[in-house]
Amino acid sequence: MQYDNCGQGNLHGYARYSVMRDALNMTGRPIVYTFEPFVQPSLWPKSVGNALRTGSDIRPGYGKCLQVAETANKWAHTTGPGTWADADILEVGNKGLS
């Protein structure tokens, strides 16, 4: 399940994402919870969900792919068993990639 907060400020992100985490946990079913913290790398995302979207939307261009990879690397310390950084990109067959 991905909770996407596109284009919105994240003043209350921890509370919003935690409420969704609790609701998903109450189902009693195993669910991978992906969300976009939109904050500087910190420790709280690890306690909220499984996959932390670290990258912005991908655009054609090798430089953008590298930028997304560098951003994901900044989040590496927040990951561990059951939690990982998700660059959320896949650029395949794009003739415009330079």
N, C-alpha and C. Protein backbone atom coordinates (compact mmCIF):
# COMPACT_ATOMS: atom_id res chain seq x y z
N MET A 1 0.85 -1.16 0.00
CA MET A 1 0.00 0.00 0.00
C MET A 1 0.90 1.22 0.00
N GLN A 2 0.70 2.14 -0.91
CA GLN A 2 1.49 3.37 -0.94
C GLN A 2 0.62 4.55 -0.57
N TYR A 3 1.11 5.31 0.39
CA TYR A 3 0.44 6.54 0.80
C TYR A 3 1.22 7.67 0.15
N ASP A 4 0.63 8.30 -0.83
CA ASP A 4 1.31 9.33 -1.61
C ASP A 4 0.80 10.69 -1.18
N ASN A 5 1.72 11.57 -0.89
CA ASN A 5 1.40 12.90 -0.40
C ASN A 5 1.82 13.95 -1.43
N CYS A 6 1.61 13.65 -2.69
CA CYS A 6 2.10 14.52 -3.78
C CYS A 6 1.65 15.97 -3.63
N GLY A 7 2.64 16.85 -3.67
CA GLY A 7 2.37 18.26 -3.74
C GLY A 7 1.85 18.91 -2.47
N GLN A 8 1.80 18.19 -1.39
CA GLN A 8 1.31 18.77 -0.14
C GLN A 8 2.45 18.97 0.83
N GLY A 9 2.34 19.98 1.66
CA GLY A 9 3.34 20.18 2.70
C GLY A 9 3.25 19.05 3.71
N ASN A 10 4.31 18.83 4.42
CA ASN A 10 4.33 17.70 5.35
C ASN A 10 4.52 18.17 6.78
N LEU A 11 3.73 19.15 7.21
CA LEU A 11 3.86 19.67 8.56
C LEU A 11 3.49 18.63 9.61
N HIS A 12 2.56 17.75 9.26
CA HIS A 12 2.09 16.76 10.22
C HIS A 12 2.28 15.35 9.66
N GLY A 13 3.32 15.14 8.89
CA GLY A 13 3.54 13.86 8.24
C GLY A 13 3.63 12.69 9.19
N TYR A 14 4.39 12.85 10.27
CA TYR A 14 4.54 11.74 11.21
C TYR A 14 3.19 11.28 11.73
N ALA A 15 2.35 12.22 12.13
CA ALA A 15 1.02 11.86 12.67
C ALA A 15 0.15 11.23 11.59
N ARG A 16 0.14 11.81 10.39
CA ARG A 16 -0.70 11.30 9.31
C ARG A 16 -0.29 9.88 8.92
N TYR A 17 1.01 9.67 8.72
CA TYR A 17 1.49 8.35 8.31
C TYR A 17 1.34 7.32 9.43
N SER A 18 1.48 7.74 10.66
CA SER A 18 1.31 6.82 11.79
C SER A 18 -0.14 6.34 11.91
N VAL A 19 -1.08 7.23 11.67
CA VAL A 19 -2.50 6.85 11.72
C VAL A 19 -2.78 5.78 10.65
N MET A 20 -2.24 5.97 9.45
CA MET A 20 -2.43 4.98 8.39
C MET A 20 -1.75 3.67 8.76
N ARG A 21 -0.54 3.74 9.31
CA ARG A 21 0.16 2.52 9.76
C ARG A 21 -0.69 1.75 10.74
N ASP A 22 -1.25 2.45 11.73
CA ASP A 22 -2.07 1.79 12.75
C ASP A 22 -3.32 1.16 12.13
N ALA A 23 -3.94 1.85 11.18
CA ALA A 23 -5.13 1.31 10.52
C ALA A 23 -4.78 0.06 9.72
N LEU A 24 -3.66 0.08 9.01
CA LEU A 24 -3.24 -1.10 8.26
C LEU A 24 -2.92 -2.26 9.18
N ASN A 25 -2.25 -1.98 10.30
CA ASN A 25 -1.92 -3.04 11.26
C ASN A 25 -3.18 -3.66 11.86
N MET A 26 -4.24 -2.88 12.02
CA MET A 26 -5.47 -3.39 12.60
C MET A 26 -6.18 -4.39 11.68
N THR A 27 -5.81 -4.43 10.40
CA THR A 27 -6.43 -5.41 9.50
C THR A 27 -5.97 -6.82 9.82
N GLY A 28 -4.83 -6.94 10.48
CA GLY A 28 -4.29 -8.26 10.80
C GLY A 28 -3.64 -8.95 9.61
N ARG A 29 -3.54 -8.27 8.50
CA ARG A 29 -2.94 -8.85 7.30
C ARG A 29 -1.55 -8.27 7.09
N PRO A 30 -0.64 -9.08 6.53
CA PRO A 30 0.70 -8.55 6.24
C PRO A 30 0.63 -7.58 5.05
N ILE A 31 1.02 -6.35 5.27
CA ILE A 31 0.96 -5.32 4.23
C ILE A 31 2.29 -4.56 4.24
N VAL A 32 2.88 -4.39 3.06
CA VAL A 32 4.06 -3.54 2.93
C VAL A 32 3.54 -2.12 2.76
N TYR A 33 3.96 -1.25 3.63
CA TYR A 33 3.48 0.13 3.67
C TYR A 33 4.57 1.05 3.15
N THR A 34 4.29 1.70 2.03
CA THR A 34 5.21 2.63 1.39
C THR A 34 4.65 4.04 1.53
N PHE A 35 5.51 4.98 1.86
CA PHE A 35 5.05 6.35 1.99
C PHE A 35 6.16 7.32 1.64
N GLU A 36 5.79 8.58 1.47
CA GLU A 36 6.74 9.64 1.11
C GLU A 36 6.90 10.59 2.28
N PRO A 37 7.96 10.45 3.06
CA PRO A 37 8.10 11.31 4.23
C PRO A 37 8.35 12.79 3.93
N PHE A 38 8.93 13.12 2.78
CA PHE A 38 9.21 14.52 2.42
C PHE A 38 9.85 15.32 3.55
N VAL A 39 10.78 14.70 4.22
CA VAL A 39 11.54 15.39 5.26
C VAL A 39 13.01 15.06 5.04
N GLN A 40 13.86 15.74 5.73
CA GLN A 40 15.27 15.39 5.69
C GLN A 40 15.43 13.99 6.30
N PRO A 41 16.44 13.24 5.86
CA PRO A 41 16.62 11.91 6.44
C PRO A 41 16.63 11.96 7.96
N SER A 42 15.78 11.18 8.56
CA SER A 42 15.67 11.14 10.01
C SER A 42 15.32 9.72 10.42
N LEU A 43 15.19 9.49 11.69
CA LEU A 43 14.93 8.14 12.17
C LEU A 43 13.45 7.81 12.27
N TRP A 44 12.56 8.80 12.29
CA TRP A 44 11.16 8.45 12.49
C TRP A 44 10.54 7.62 11.38
N PRO A 45 10.92 7.78 10.10
CA PRO A 45 10.26 6.96 9.08
C PRO A 45 10.38 5.46 9.33
N LYS A 46 11.48 5.01 9.91
CA LYS A 46 11.68 3.58 10.15
C LYS A 46 10.59 3.01 11.07
N SER A 47 10.09 3.79 11.97
CA SER A 47 9.07 3.30 12.88
C SER A 47 7.66 3.38 12.29
N VAL A 48 7.54 4.00 11.11
CA VAL A 48 6.22 4.23 10.54
C VAL A 48 5.88 3.23 9.43
N GLY A 49 6.82 2.96 8.53
CA GLY A 49 6.50 2.10 7.40
C GLY A 49 7.66 1.27 6.94
N ASN A 50 7.47 0.60 5.81
CA ASN A 50 8.49 -0.30 5.28
C ASN A 50 9.36 0.33 4.21
N ALA A 51 8.75 0.98 3.24
CA ALA A 51 9.50 1.54 2.13
C ALA A 51 9.31 3.05 2.13
N LEU A 52 10.41 3.76 2.18
CA LEU A 52 10.38 5.22 2.25
C LEU A 52 10.74 5.77 0.88
N ARG A 53 9.78 6.40 0.23
CA ARG A 53 10.09 6.97 -1.08
C ARG A 53 11.05 8.13 -0.88
N THR A 54 12.23 7.98 -1.46
CA THR A 54 13.27 8.98 -1.26
C THR A 54 13.47 9.86 -2.48
N GLY A 55 13.03 9.43 -3.63
CA GLY A 55 13.30 10.17 -4.85
C GLY A 55 12.13 11.00 -5.32
N SER A 56 12.46 11.98 -6.11
CA SER A 56 11.41 12.76 -6.74
C SER A 56 11.01 12.06 -8.03
N ASP A 57 10.04 12.58 -8.72
CA ASP A 57 9.62 11.97 -9.97
C ASP A 57 10.78 11.96 -10.95
N ILE A 58 10.91 10.87 -11.67
CA ILE A 58 12.02 10.71 -12.61
C ILE A 58 11.74 11.50 -13.89
N ARG A 59 12.77 11.99 -14.49
CA ARG A 59 12.70 12.68 -15.77
C ARG A 59 13.77 12.06 -16.67
N PRO A 60 13.59 12.13 -17.96
CA PRO A 60 14.62 11.60 -18.85
C PRO A 60 15.94 12.32 -18.64
N GLY A 61 16.99 11.58 -18.51
CA GLY A 61 18.31 12.15 -18.37
C GLY A 61 19.13 11.39 -17.34
N TYR A 62 20.34 11.06 -17.72
CA TYR A 62 21.23 10.29 -16.84
C TYR A 62 21.51 11.05 -15.55
N GLY A 63 21.66 12.35 -15.63
CA GLY A 63 21.92 13.16 -14.44
C GLY A 63 20.82 13.04 -13.41
N LYS A 64 19.58 13.00 -13.85
CA LYS A 64 18.45 12.86 -12.93
C LYS A 64 18.49 11.50 -12.24
N CYS A 65 18.82 10.46 -12.99
CA CYS A 65 18.95 9.12 -12.39
C CYS A 65 20.02 9.13 -11.30
N LEU A 66 21.14 9.77 -11.55
CA LEU A 66 22.20 9.85 -10.55
C LEU A 66 21.75 10.65 -9.33
N GLN A 67 21.01 11.74 -9.56
CA GLN A 67 20.52 12.56 -8.46
C GLN A 67 19.60 11.74 -7.55
N VAL A 68 18.72 10.96 -8.15
CA VAL A 68 17.80 10.14 -7.37
C VAL A 68 18.58 9.10 -6.56
N ALA A 69 19.61 8.50 -7.17
CA ALA A 69 20.43 7.51 -6.47
C ALA A 69 21.18 8.17 -5.30
N GLU A 70 21.72 9.35 -5.49
CA GLU A 70 22.42 10.06 -4.42
C GLU A 70 21.48 10.39 -3.26
N THR A 71 20.25 10.78 -3.58
CA THR A 71 19.27 11.09 -2.53
C THR A 71 18.93 9.82 -1.74
N ALA A 72 18.72 8.71 -2.44
CA ALA A 72 18.43 7.45 -1.76
C ALA A 72 19.57 7.06 -0.83
N ASN A 73 20.79 7.33 -1.23
CA ASN A 73 21.95 7.01 -0.40
C ASN A 73 21.94 7.80 0.91
N LYS A 74 21.44 9.02 0.88
CA LYS A 74 21.37 9.83 2.10
C LYS A 74 20.42 9.22 3.13
N TRP A 75 19.48 8.40 2.65
CA TRP A 75 18.51 7.76 3.53
C TRP A 75 18.98 6.39 4.01
N ALA A 76 20.14 5.93 3.57
CA ALA A 76 20.59 4.56 3.87
C ALA A 76 20.62 4.28 5.37
N HIS A 77 20.99 5.25 6.19
CA HIS A 77 21.07 5.01 7.64
C HIS A 77 19.71 4.80 8.29
N THR A 78 18.63 5.12 7.59
CA THR A 78 17.29 4.94 8.17
C THR A 78 16.72 3.57 7.85
N THR A 79 17.45 2.77 7.08
CA THR A 79 16.93 1.47 6.65
C THR A 79 17.46 0.35 7.53
N GLY A 80 16.87 -0.81 7.36
CA GLY A 80 17.27 -2.00 8.10
C GLY A 80 16.30 -3.11 7.77
N PRO A 81 16.35 -4.20 8.51
CA PRO A 81 15.42 -5.29 8.23
C PRO A 81 13.96 -4.80 8.25
N GLY A 82 13.26 -5.02 7.16
CA GLY A 82 11.86 -4.63 7.07
C GLY A 82 11.63 -3.19 6.65
N THR A 83 12.69 -2.41 6.46
CA THR A 83 12.57 -1.01 6.05
C THR A 83 13.65 -0.70 5.03
N TRP A 84 13.26 -0.10 3.91
CA TRP A 84 14.24 0.21 2.89
C TRP A 84 13.88 1.51 2.19
N ALA A 85 14.92 2.11 1.59
CA ALA A 85 14.74 3.32 0.80
C ALA A 85 14.25 2.91 -0.58
N ASP A 86 13.23 3.57 -1.07
CA ASP A 86 12.63 3.26 -2.37
C ASP A 86 12.80 4.48 -3.26
N ALA A 87 13.71 4.38 -4.22
CA ALA A 87 13.94 5.50 -5.14
C ALA A 87 12.76 5.70 -6.08
N ASP A 88 11.89 4.70 -6.20
CA ASP A 88 10.65 4.80 -6.97
C ASP A 88 10.90 5.23 -8.41
N ILE A 89 11.92 4.62 -9.02
CA ILE A 89 12.19 4.96 -10.42
C ILE A 89 12.38 3.70 -11.24
N LEU A 90 12.03 3.79 -12.47
CA LEU A 90 12.32 2.75 -13.45
C LEU A 90 12.27 3.42 -14.81
N GLU A 91 13.40 3.57 -15.41
CA GLU A 91 13.50 4.25 -16.69
C GLU A 91 13.92 3.20 -17.72
N VAL A 92 12.96 2.67 -18.47
CA VAL A 92 13.22 1.60 -19.41
C VAL A 92 12.71 2.00 -20.80
N GLY A 93 13.55 1.84 -21.79
CA GLY A 93 13.11 2.06 -23.16
C GLY A 93 12.77 3.48 -23.51
N ASN A 94 13.33 4.43 -22.80
CA ASN A 94 13.05 5.83 -23.09
C ASN A 94 14.10 6.33 -24.06
N LYS A 95 13.73 6.56 -25.29
CA LYS A 95 14.69 7.01 -26.31
C LYS A 95 15.23 8.40 -25.99
N GLY A 96 14.53 9.13 -25.14
CA GLY A 96 14.97 10.49 -24.81
C GLY A 96 16.02 10.53 -23.71
N LEU A 97 16.37 9.38 -23.12
CA LEU A 97 17.37 9.36 -22.07
C LEU A 97 18.71 9.74 -22.63
N SER A 98 19.35 10.73 -22.06
CA SER A 98 20.64 11.18 -22.58
C SER A 98 21.69 11.15 -21.49
